[in-house]
Amino acid sequence: MEIMHDVFLPLNNFRRVAAYLGLSLGALALSLAVIPAFGVRFHFFQAAIFMSAMLFGPLAGAATGAFAASYNAFAMNNLYIIGGNAILGYFAAYFVKKHGAVKAVLMAYAIQLPYLVVTDLLVGMSLMAVASIACVLAVENVICGAFAWKAKDAVARMLA
């Protein structure tokens, strides 16, 4: 079966809804997994956000982003994290069909970044901490976006 690359998959059957819910739950689980390296903490839950966005569209990407960020937002007492990840998921899907995965992820991050800077400063983070977070997120987003782009066609074939 041929995969249509110019449209998102509708959530119109049990298999697709289950896959979407699995991606959302996977994103939440991945948000709890932290990999310490080079003096910073990496997490890769964005891969599930981007996969959801690239398969099911902007609203699915935003919902997955918001859901995945919810635990960390409450744990860190920074509810703005939910909005930032919703922005990331929405705009990654919005741009992916025209610009490809890596450009879409970077464009989505460029839209999320001013929100991230302002809201992190509002909750009392230092500018140095915000800059460090921004750099780590840029690297994570590119890695996760590339992974999601490579995996999405295989997953889409399974859901066709």
Foldseek 3Di string as FASTA:
>chain_A
DDDDQQDADAPPDDVSVVVLVVLLVQLLVQLVDWDDDPNDTATQSVLSLLLLCSHHHQQSSLVSQLSSCVVVCVVVVQSLSSVLSSQQSNQQSVCCSPPNQQVSNVVSLVVSLVSQQVSVVVVPDDNVVSVVVSVSVNVSSNVSSVVSRVCNVVVVVVVD
